[in-house]
Amino acid sequence: MRIPCPYCGERDAEEFSIQGEAAGPRPIPSDYGDGDRDAFHAYVHLRANEYGPTREYWYHAAGCRRWLTVSRDTRDHKILGVELAKP
């Protein structure tokens, strides 16, 4: 699989490290004030593992060292789009 990095151009997936689903904002753990323990547990440990189009965080470890949000289809690993991950 080849991933088109916005900075480095198209590169082999071996240069990247997948970090999981591009989920919403990280919930506050219950140890820190008014956090929700169940929401934090779900964010850290539970994955949808969808079959079809999905959005994932990838880190370009052997290249520009940028975080990317990669949209791809898990059925055939076709890359649908790549953008810089937003902080």
C-alpha atoms as a PDB file:
ATOM      1  CA  MET A   1       0.000   0.000   0.000  1.00  0.00           C
ATOM      2  CA  ARG A   2       1.282   3.463  -0.890  1.00  0.00           C
ATOM      3  CA  ILE A   3       0.317   6.583   1.053  1.00  0.00           C
ATOM      4  CA  PRO A   4       0.543  10.066  -0.517  1.00  0.00           C
ATOM      5  CA  CYS A   5       2.188  12.220   2.167  1.00  0.00           C
ATOM      6  CA  PRO A   6       1.388  15.947   1.696  1.00  0.00           C
ATOM      7  CA  TYR A   7       5.065  16.819   2.352  1.00  0.00           C
ATOM      8  CA  CYS A   8       7.072  13.876   0.988  1.00  0.00           C
ATOM      9  CA  GLY A   9       4.895  12.615  -1.851  1.00  0.00           C
ATOM     10  CA  GLU A  10       3.777   9.032  -2.341  1.00  0.00           C
ATOM     11  CA  ARG A  11       5.581   6.617  -0.019  1.00  0.00           C
ATOM     12  CA  ASP A  12       5.346   2.962   0.933  1.00  0.00           C
ATOM     13  CA  ALA A  13       3.238   2.179   4.025  1.00  0.00           C
ATOM     14  CA  GLU A  14       6.342   0.718   5.734  1.00  0.00           C
ATOM     15  CA  GLU A  15       7.499   4.311   6.378  1.00  0.00           C
ATOM     16  CA  PHE A  16       4.378   4.961   8.468  1.00  0.00           C
ATOM     17  CA  SER A  17       3.053   3.794  11.794  1.00  0.00           C
ATOM     18  CA  ILE A  18      -0.710   3.423  12.130  1.00  0.00           C
ATOM     19  CA  GLN A  19      -2.075   4.821  15.371  1.00  0.00           C
ATOM     20  CA  GLY A  20      -5.746   3.849  15.169  1.00  0.00           C
ATOM     21  CA  GLU A  21      -9.106   5.360  14.366  1.00  0.00           C
ATOM     22  CA  ALA A  22      -9.437   9.105  14.049  1.00  0.00           C
ATOM     23  CA  ALA A  23     -11.837   9.491  16.946  1.00  0.00           C
ATOM     24  CA  GLY A  24     -13.352  12.637  18.325  1.00  0.00           C
ATOM     25  CA  PRO A  25     -11.764  14.671  21.090  1.00  0.00           C
ATOM     26  CA  ARG A  26     -10.208  12.714  23.931  1.00  0.00           C
ATOM     27  CA  PRO A  27     -12.497  12.629  26.990  1.00  0.00           C
ATOM     28  CA  ILE A  28     -11.150  13.687  30.364  1.00  0.00           C
ATOM     29  CA  PRO A  29     -10.400  10.683  32.591  1.00  0.00           C
ATOM     30  CA  SER A  30     -12.355  10.517  35.843  1.00  0.00           C
ATOM     31  CA  ASP A  31      -9.134  10.953  37.839  1.00  0.00           C
ATOM     32  CA  TYR A  32      -8.997  14.581  36.673  1.00  0.00           C
ATOM     33  CA  GLY A  33     -12.050  16.415  37.919  1.00  0.00           C
ATOM     34  CA  ASP A  34     -15.419  15.929  36.271  1.00  0.00           C
ATOM     35  CA  GLY A  35     -14.299  13.295  33.769  1.00  0.00           C
ATOM     36  CA  ASP A  36     -16.349  10.328  32.617  1.00  0.00           C
ATOM     37  CA  ARG A  37     -14.634   7.016  33.330  1.00  0.00           C
ATOM     38  CA  ASP A  38     -16.738   4.996  30.857  1.00  0.00           C
ATOM     39  CA  ALA A  39     -16.207   7.499  28.028  1.00  0.00           C
ATOM     40  CA  PHE A  40     -12.452   7.514  28.632  1.00  0.00           C
ATOM     41  CA  HIS A  41     -12.330   3.693  28.715  1.00  0.00           C
ATOM     42  CA  ALA A  42     -14.250   3.506  25.427  1.00  0.00           C
ATOM     43  CA  TYR A  43     -11.960   6.086  23.799  1.00  0.00           C
ATOM     44  CA  VAL A  44      -8.777   4.224  24.806  1.00  0.00           C
ATOM     45  CA  HIS A  45      -9.783   0.568  24.477  1.00  0.00           C
ATOM     46  CA  LEU A  46     -12.814   0.108  22.240  1.00  0.00           C
ATOM     47  CA  ARG A  47     -12.563   0.257  18.453  1.00  0.00           C
ATOM     48  CA  ALA A  48     -15.310   0.225  15.853  1.00  0.00           C
ATOM     49  CA  ASN A  49     -13.134  -1.821  13.442  1.00  0.00           C
ATOM     50  CA  GLU A  50     -15.445  -0.929  10.586  1.00  0.00           C
ATOM     51  CA  TYR A  51     -15.455  -2.751   7.266  1.00  0.00           C
ATOM     52  CA  GLY A  52     -15.344  -0.149   4.522  1.00  0.00           C
ATOM     53  CA  PRO A  53     -14.370   3.523   4.493  1.00  0.00           C
ATOM     54  CA  THR A  54     -12.665   4.698   7.685  1.00  0.00           C
ATOM     55  CA  ARG A  55     -10.448   7.536   8.965  1.00  0.00           C
ATOM     56  CA  GLU A  56      -7.213   6.700  10.802  1.00  0.00           C
ATOM     57  CA  TYR A  57      -4.242   8.487  12.310  1.00  0.00           C
ATOM     58  CA  TRP A  58      -0.894   7.607  10.744  1.00  0.00           C
ATOM     59  CA  TYR A  59       2.562   8.868  11.766  1.00  0.00           C
ATOM     60  CA  HIS A  60       5.211   9.311   9.063  1.00  0.00           C
ATOM     61  CA  ALA A  61       8.070   7.969  11.199  1.00  0.00           C
ATOM     62  CA  ALA A  62      10.604   7.415   8.403  1.00  0.00           C
ATOM     63  CA  GLY A  63       9.860  10.663   6.614  1.00  0.00           C
ATOM     64  CA  CYS A  64       8.687  14.120   7.628  1.00  0.00           C
ATOM     65  CA  ARG A  65       7.545  12.926  11.087  1.00  0.00           C
ATOM     66  CA  ARG A  66       4.112  14.471  10.654  1.00  0.00           C
ATOM     67  CA  TRP A  67       0.779  13.129  11.857  1.00  0.00           C
ATOM     68  CA  LEU A  68      -1.686  12.444   9.058  1.00  0.00           C
ATOM     69  CA  THR A  69      -5.367  11.611   8.888  1.00  0.00           C
ATOM     70  CA  VAL A  70      -5.734   8.932   6.229  1.00  0.00           C
ATOM     71  CA  SER A  71      -9.124   8.021   4.786  1.00  0.00           C
ATOM     72  CA  ARG A  72      -9.037   4.513   3.368  1.00  0.00           C
ATOM     73  CA  ASP A  73     -11.299   1.624   2.515  1.00  0.00           C
ATOM     74  CA  THR A  74     -10.487  -1.383   4.710  1.00  0.00           C
ATOM     75  CA  ARG A  75     -11.937  -3.792   2.130  1.00  0.00           C
ATOM     76  CA  ASP A  76      -9.207  -3.174  -0.442  1.00  0.00           C
ATOM     77  CA  HIS A  77      -6.833  -0.722   1.350  1.00  0.00           C
ATOM     78  CA  LYS A  78      -7.512   1.949  -1.263  1.00  0.00           C
ATOM     79  CA  ILE A  79      -6.479   5.390  -0.021  1.00  0.00           C
ATOM     80  CA  LEU A  80      -9.403   7.797  -0.379  1.00  0.00           C
ATOM     81  CA  GLY A  81      -7.639  10.907   0.927  1.00  0.00           C
ATOM     82  CA  VAL A  82      -4.840  12.196   3.157  1.00  0.00           C
ATOM     83  CA  GLU A  83      -4.616  15.396   5.165  1.00  0.00           C
ATOM     84  CA  LEU A  84      -2.520  16.738   7.988  1.00  0.00           C
ATOM     85  CA  ALA A  85      -3.966  15.778  11.358  1.00  0.00           C
ATOM     86  CA  LYS A  86      -5.393  18.706  13.249  1.00  0.00           C
ATOM     87  CA  PRO A  87      -4.172  19.243  16.825  1.00  0.00           C
END
